[in-house]
Amino acid sequence: MHNRYKVNAEDFDGPVLLTGAGGCIGSWVLSLLVDAEVPVFALDVQKDTRRPKLLMSESELGLVKWLVGDISEPNTMMKAMEVSKATSIIHLAALQVPFCKADPIAGAKVNVVGTVNVFEAARKHKISRLSYASSIAAHGVFDAKTLPTLYGAYKFCNEQTARVYLQDWGVPSVGMRPGVVYGIGRDQGMTSKTTVAILAAAAGKPYTIPFTGAVSWLHAGEVASAFIKAVSQPRDQAVVFDINGFSSTVEQSLEVLKKVAPGSSITASGPALPFPMALSDDPLREFLGDYGQMPLEEGISNTHNIFRSLLDKGLISAESID
């Protein structure tokens, strides 16, 4: 699937520092950067390579320089910048919706204070190539039709932090609000269930997606490519964009999945997700240029086939399906 996403090593003037490297999108960023031979330092609260190993060989993983630290601690980012000599930062580290609800203080420390620490490190090291993950959940702060969550409030705070850092200190950034991300490595969070359904189909297990109605399908490789593209040149603004992939419905998506896995028993029930699902990627594509695109049917088919291969090799287990 990497041929859908083109990363040009000549666009980079030094190493990339990636926070949240062990997550789903982070794993795809690592894979794309290593494939393009761009030096990358991975920063996470622990060296957890379970998801990167689903996309990369041991030799490829060996090219990644791992740093361990908690971004909610100011010294973590400063030390990471000193060690890596990074000229670009891709900031993906965060606690997702269920974790923020379960522990609001921990969520604020990681998502809000951690992001301030990232911007502070960018300011002190004069970084002009910084991209960060906001979320579709940020719409809940200013859109009455969207469910407000602590996670969304934290992410909206990140967007405002970015604006202030440009205004007060000239730190530019590109923020993105991913919709429903799917693909290899997507195994947690309230919107991960469409990916779980593909895994269940690959494993021959019945599964019910716990929501219906409108849903976006944003391939993990596509959003990873966009984050990389955002730091492929210096910026001079603080901008934020929606990134949605393809708009569909759960019901239409199940029809696609049934074509890929005719014997599967995948259903859906429950209310629709309380987030906007028909947001346009056009403004982001106009700003960044081409970062690749994964057609919905191809993305579901490829994800299903890779899951089949990973199951056969014992690299993932059907026991994780719930």
Protein backbone atom coordinates (compact mmCIF):
# COMPACT_ATOMS: atom_id res chain seq x y z
CA MET A 1 0.00 0.00 0.00
CA HIS A 2 3.02 2.26 0.32
CA ASN A 3 2.95 3.01 -3.40
CA ARG A 4 -0.12 5.14 -2.77
CA TYR A 5 1.95 7.52 -0.67
CA LYS A 6 5.09 9.20 -1.97
CA VAL A 7 7.62 10.60 0.51
CA ASN A 8 10.60 12.41 -1.00
CA ALA A 9 13.71 12.29 1.20
CA GLU A 10 15.09 15.35 -0.60
CA ASP A 11 12.33 17.44 0.96
CA PHE A 12 13.85 17.00 4.43
CA ASP A 13 16.83 18.90 5.81
CA GLY A 14 17.38 16.70 8.86
CA PRO A 15 15.81 14.06 11.11
CA VAL A 16 12.12 13.94 12.01
CA LEU A 17 11.08 13.63 15.66
CA LEU A 18 7.82 11.70 15.98
CA THR A 19 5.82 11.66 19.23
CA GLY A 20 3.29 8.88 19.78
CA ALA A 21 5.34 6.61 17.55
CA GLY A 22 3.83 3.41 18.94
CA GLY A 23 0.26 4.31 17.98
CA CYS A 24 -1.59 3.44 14.79
CA ILE A 25 -0.88 6.60 12.79
CA GLY A 26 2.58 6.84 14.34
CA SER A 27 3.40 3.33 13.10
CA TRP A 28 2.43 4.30 9.57
CA VAL A 29 4.51 7.49 9.79
CA LEU A 30 7.51 5.42 10.87
CA SER A 31 7.00 2.94 8.05
CA LEU A 32 6.67 5.63 5.37
CA LEU A 33 9.68 7.61 6.60
CA VAL A 34 11.93 4.55 6.88
CA ASP A 35 10.79 3.35 3.45
CA ALA A 36 11.82 6.75 2.04
CA GLU A 37 15.13 6.67 3.95
CA VAL A 38 14.30 9.76 6.00
CA PRO A 39 16.03 9.66 9.44
CA VAL A 40 13.45 9.40 12.20
CA PHE A 41 13.53 9.42 16.01
CA ALA A 42 10.55 7.76 17.69
CA LEU A 43 9.42 9.20 21.04
CA ASP A 44 6.86 7.46 23.21
CA VAL A 45 6.14 6.81 26.87
CA GLN A 46 7.53 3.30 26.36
CA LYS A 47 9.23 1.41 23.56
CA ASP A 48 6.17 -0.44 22.31
CA THR A 49 6.78 -1.80 18.81
CA ARG A 50 3.72 -4.06 18.59
CA ARG A 51 1.98 -1.93 15.97
CA PRO A 52 5.08 -0.89 13.98
CA LYS A 53 5.97 -4.59 13.70
CA LEU A 54 2.73 -5.16 11.78
CA LEU A 55 4.02 -2.84 9.05
CA MET A 56 7.81 -3.11 9.19
CA SER A 57 10.45 -5.81 9.18
CA GLU A 58 12.95 -6.17 12.01
CA SER A 59 15.67 -4.66 9.82
CA GLU A 60 13.48 -1.67 9.01
CA LEU A 61 12.62 -1.19 12.67
CA GLY A 62 16.33 -1.27 13.41
CA LEU A 63 16.69 1.97 11.46
CA VAL A 64 14.41 3.80 13.90
CA LYS A 65 16.10 5.47 16.87
CA TRP A 66 13.82 5.10 19.89
CA LEU A 67 13.56 7.58 22.74
CA VAL A 68 11.46 6.92 25.85
CA GLY A 69 9.80 9.67 27.83
CA ASP A 70 6.57 11.30 28.97
CA ILE A 71 5.76 14.42 26.94
CA SER A 72 3.84 15.89 29.87
CA GLU A 73 7.27 16.43 31.47
CA PRO A 74 8.97 19.54 29.98
CA ASN A 75 12.45 18.02 29.93
CA THR A 76 11.32 15.09 27.77
CA MET A 77 10.85 17.14 24.61
CA MET A 78 13.90 19.31 25.25
CA LYS A 79 16.15 16.27 25.67
CA ALA A 80 14.61 14.59 22.63
CA MET A 81 15.36 17.64 20.50
CA GLU A 82 18.94 17.80 21.76
CA VAL A 83 19.55 14.09 21.13
CA SER A 84 17.82 13.90 17.75
CA LYS A 85 18.93 17.24 16.30
CA ALA A 86 15.54 17.09 14.58
CA THR A 87 14.53 19.78 12.12
CA SER A 88 10.91 18.57 11.90
CA ILE A 89 8.39 17.47 14.53
CA ILE A 90 5.30 15.35 13.97
CA HIS A 91 3.27 15.37 17.19
CA LEU A 92 0.77 12.51 17.53
CA ALA A 93 1.09 11.52 21.21
CA ALA A 94 -2.26 11.70 23.01
CA LEU A 95 -4.69 9.88 25.28
CA GLN A 96 -7.90 9.07 23.40
CA VAL A 97 -11.57 9.64 24.30
CA PRO A 98 -12.14 6.74 26.75
CA PHE A 99 -8.87 7.37 28.60
CA CYS A 100 -9.57 11.10 28.98
CA LYS A 101 -13.02 10.36 30.35
CA ALA A 102 -11.64 7.78 32.77
CA ASP A 103 -8.87 10.11 34.03
CA PRO A 104 -9.42 13.77 33.06
CA ILE A 105 -6.28 14.97 34.85
CA ALA A 106 -4.04 12.49 33.05
CA GLY A 107 -5.77 13.42 29.78
CA ALA A 108 -5.09 17.11 30.35
CA LYS A 109 -1.46 16.47 31.28
CA VAL A 110 -0.74 14.50 28.11
CA ASN A 111 -3.01 16.22 25.62
CA VAL A 112 -2.76 19.82 26.77
CA VAL A 113 0.45 20.20 28.80
CA GLY A 114 2.24 17.71 26.55
CA THR A 115 1.32 19.71 23.47
CA VAL A 116 2.48 22.95 25.09
CA ASN A 117 5.79 21.20 25.79
CA VAL A 118 6.05 20.24 22.12
CA PHE A 119 5.45 23.82 21.02
CA GLU A 120 7.86 25.15 23.62
CA ALA A 121 10.57 22.82 22.32
CA ALA A 122 9.79 23.95 18.77
CA ARG A 123 10.09 27.59 19.88
CA LYS A 124 13.43 27.15 21.63
CA HIS A 125 14.88 25.12 18.77
CA LYS A 126 13.45 27.44 16.08
CA ILE A 127 11.50 24.68 14.32
CA SER A 128 9.50 25.82 11.30
CA ARG A 129 8.29 22.33 10.35
CA LEU A 130 5.73 21.15 12.90
CA SER A 131 2.54 19.16 12.33
CA TYR A 132 0.23 17.92 15.07
CA ALA A 133 -2.94 15.88 15.47
CA SER A 134 -6.10 17.62 16.52
CA SER A 135 -9.29 15.59 16.05
CA ILE A 136 -12.73 15.55 14.51
CA ALA A 137 -13.85 15.62 18.17
CA ALA A 138 -12.72 19.27 18.37
CA HIS A 139 -15.91 20.17 16.47
CA GLY A 140 -17.80 19.38 19.69
CA VAL A 141 -16.51 22.61 21.21
CA PHE A 142 -18.12 24.89 18.62
CA ASP A 143 -20.73 22.76 16.82
CA ALA A 144 -23.95 22.13 18.76
CA LYS A 145 -24.66 19.00 16.66
CA THR A 146 -21.42 17.33 17.73
CA LEU A 147 -20.95 15.53 21.04
CA PRO A 148 -18.69 17.52 23.38
CA THR A 149 -15.96 15.45 25.03
CA LEU A 150 -13.00 16.24 27.21
CA TYR A 151 -10.78 14.83 24.47
CA GLY A 152 -12.33 17.23 21.95
CA ALA A 153 -11.92 20.14 24.37
CA TYR A 154 -8.25 19.27 24.86
CA LYS A 155 -7.72 19.06 21.09
CA PHE A 156 -9.43 22.41 20.52
CA CYS A 157 -7.11 23.84 23.17
CA ASN A 158 -4.18 22.50 21.11
CA GLU A 159 -5.43 24.45 18.09
CA GLN A 160 -5.62 27.66 20.12
CA THR A 161 -2.19 26.98 21.60
CA ALA A 162 -0.83 26.73 18.07
CA ARG A 163 -2.36 30.10 17.15
CA VAL A 164 -0.81 31.79 20.20
CA TYR A 165 2.62 30.30 19.56
CA LEU A 166 2.57 31.75 16.05
CA GLN A 167 1.27 35.12 17.28
CA ASP A 168 3.63 35.52 20.23
CA TRP A 169 6.76 33.66 19.11
CA GLY A 170 6.47 33.02 15.39
CA VAL A 171 6.20 29.22 15.67
CA PRO A 172 4.35 27.92 12.58
CA SER A 173 2.37 24.68 12.54
CA VAL A 174 -0.07 22.54 10.58
CA GLY A 175 -2.83 20.88 12.59
CA MET A 176 -5.15 18.18 11.26
CA ARG A 177 -8.45 16.83 12.55
CA PRO A 178 -8.61 13.19 11.43
CA GLY A 179 -12.03 11.60 11.02
CA VAL A 180 -12.54 7.87 11.54
CA VAL A 181 -9.15 6.30 10.88
CA TYR A 182 -8.98 2.66 9.80
CA GLY A 183 -6.22 0.25 8.87
CA ILE A 184 -3.55 -2.00 10.30
CA GLY A 185 -2.69 -0.99 13.85
CA ARG A 186 -6.04 0.67 14.63
CA ASP A 187 -7.08 -1.26 17.71
CA GLN A 188 -8.28 1.22 20.34
CA GLY A 189 -10.58 4.21 20.68
CA MET A 190 -14.32 4.62 20.21
CA THR A 191 -14.07 4.85 16.41
CA SER A 192 -11.81 1.81 15.94
CA LYS A 193 -14.71 -0.61 15.47
CA THR A 194 -14.84 -0.41 11.67
CA THR A 195 -11.28 -1.73 11.63
CA VAL A 196 -12.20 -4.41 14.18
CA ALA A 197 -14.98 -5.48 11.81
CA ILE A 198 -12.46 -5.98 8.99
CA LEU A 199 -10.28 -8.04 11.33
CA ALA A 200 -13.28 -10.13 12.38
CA ALA A 201 -14.13 -10.80 8.73
CA ALA A 202 -10.53 -11.85 8.08
CA ALA A 203 -10.67 -14.19 11.09
CA GLY A 204 -14.05 -15.64 10.13
CA LYS A 205 -15.67 -14.44 13.34
CA PRO A 206 -19.07 -12.74 13.69
CA TYR A 207 -18.99 -9.15 14.85
CA THR A 208 -21.41 -6.27 15.36
CA ILE A 209 -20.21 -2.70 14.85
CA PRO A 210 -21.76 -0.75 17.75
CA PHE A 211 -22.93 2.19 15.64
CA THR A 212 -24.76 2.80 12.38
CA GLY A 213 -25.29 5.67 9.96
CA ALA A 214 -22.78 8.11 8.52
CA VAL A 215 -19.11 7.32 8.92
CA SER A 216 -15.86 8.50 7.38
CA TRP A 217 -13.16 6.12 6.17
CA LEU A 218 -9.68 7.62 6.45
CA HIS A 219 -6.89 5.16 5.73
CA ALA A 220 -4.11 5.29 8.34
CA GLY A 221 -1.46 5.48 5.62
CA GLU A 222 -3.21 8.43 4.01
CA VAL A 223 -3.35 10.53 7.16
CA ALA A 224 0.24 9.54 8.03
CA SER A 225 1.33 10.71 4.59
CA ALA A 226 -0.44 14.03 5.15
CA PHE A 227 1.37 14.61 8.46
CA ILE A 228 4.67 13.91 6.71
CA LYS A 229 3.81 16.17 3.79
CA ALA A 230 3.01 18.96 6.26
CA VAL A 231 6.63 18.99 7.51
CA SER A 232 8.25 18.50 4.11
CA GLN A 233 8.92 22.23 3.90
CA PRO A 234 9.13 25.22 6.27
CA ARG A 235 5.81 26.88 7.09
CA ASP A 236 4.95 30.42 8.16
CA GLN A 237 1.35 30.05 9.36
CA ALA A 238 -0.60 28.27 12.10
CA VAL A 239 -3.35 26.46 10.21
CA VAL A 240 -5.70 23.58 10.98
CA PHE A 241 -7.65 21.41 8.56
CA ASP A 242 -10.16 18.59 8.60
CA ILE A 243 -8.98 15.32 7.02
CA ASN A 244 -11.82 12.93 6.44
CA GLY A 245 -11.00 10.40 3.71
CA PHE A 246 -14.19 9.03 2.14
CA SER A 247 -17.66 9.72 3.49
CA SER A 248 -19.98 6.71 3.56
CA THR A 249 -22.37 4.93 5.89
CA VAL A 250 -21.74 1.87 8.01
CA GLU A 251 -24.38 0.02 6.00
CA GLN A 252 -22.77 0.85 2.63
CA SER A 253 -19.36 -0.07 4.02
CA LEU A 254 -20.63 -3.48 5.11
CA GLU A 255 -21.71 -4.14 1.53
CA VAL A 256 -18.13 -3.47 0.42
CA LEU A 257 -16.78 -5.77 3.13
CA LYS A 258 -19.19 -8.55 2.11
CA LYS A 259 -17.79 -8.42 -1.42
CA VAL A 260 -14.29 -8.79 -0.03
CA ALA A 261 -15.25 -11.53 2.46
CA PRO A 262 -18.48 -13.14 1.16
CA GLY A 263 -18.77 -15.61 4.03
CA SER A 264 -18.37 -13.04 6.77
CA SER A 265 -21.02 -12.31 9.39
CA ILE A 266 -20.62 -8.64 10.17
CA THR A 267 -23.56 -6.49 11.24
CA ALA A 268 -24.14 -3.09 12.84
CA SER A 269 -26.52 -1.69 15.43
CA GLY A 270 -26.82 1.32 17.66
CA PRO A 271 -26.96 5.09 17.14
CA ALA A 272 -24.80 7.02 14.70
CA LEU A 273 -21.48 8.44 15.82
CA PRO A 274 -21.93 12.02 17.12
CA PHE A 275 -19.31 13.58 14.85
CA PRO A 276 -19.48 15.29 11.43
CA MET A 277 -18.74 12.69 8.75
CA ALA A 278 -18.94 14.61 5.48
CA LEU A 279 -16.11 17.11 5.89
CA SER A 280 -14.11 18.06 2.82
CA ASP A 281 -10.40 17.31 2.39
CA ASP A 282 -10.15 19.84 -0.44
CA PRO A 283 -8.78 22.75 1.68
CA LEU A 284 -6.02 20.51 3.06
CA ARG A 285 -5.11 19.13 -0.36
CA GLU A 286 -5.01 22.65 -1.77
CA PHE A 287 -2.63 23.67 1.02
CA LEU A 288 -0.35 20.62 1.08
CA GLY A 289 -0.51 19.36 -2.48
CA ASP A 290 -0.77 15.65 -3.24
CA TYR A 291 -0.24 13.33 -0.28
CA GLY A 292 -1.91 10.29 -1.83
CA GLN A 293 -5.37 8.82 -1.48
CA MET A 294 -6.69 5.35 -0.73
CA PRO A 295 -9.96 4.42 -2.51
CA LEU A 296 -12.46 2.94 -0.07
CA GLU A 297 -12.92 -0.48 -1.69
CA GLU A 298 -9.17 -0.91 -2.21
CA GLY A 299 -8.43 0.16 1.34
CA ILE A 300 -10.91 -2.29 2.88
CA SER A 301 -9.72 -5.10 0.60
CA ASN A 302 -6.02 -4.49 1.29
CA THR A 303 -6.59 -4.18 5.04
CA HIS A 304 -8.57 -7.44 5.04
CA ASN A 305 -5.85 -9.25 3.08
CA ILE A 306 -3.06 -8.00 5.35
CA PHE A 307 -5.06 -9.04 8.42
CA ARG A 308 -5.42 -12.52 6.90
CA SER A 309 -1.67 -12.70 6.41
CA LEU A 310 -0.92 -11.44 9.93
CA LEU A 311 -3.36 -13.96 11.42
CA ASP A 312 -1.76 -16.79 9.45
CA LYS A 313 1.69 -15.76 10.70
CA GLY A 314 0.48 -15.49 14.29
CA LEU A 315 1.43 -11.81 14.50
CA ILE A 316 -2.09 -10.88 15.64
CA SER A 317 -4.81 -12.89 17.33
CA ALA A 318 -8.54 -13.12 16.79
CA GLU A 319 -8.84 -13.16 20.59
CA SER A 320 -8.41 -9.37 20.51
CA ILE A 321 -11.78 -8.95 18.79
CA ASP A 322 -14.45 -7.62 21.17
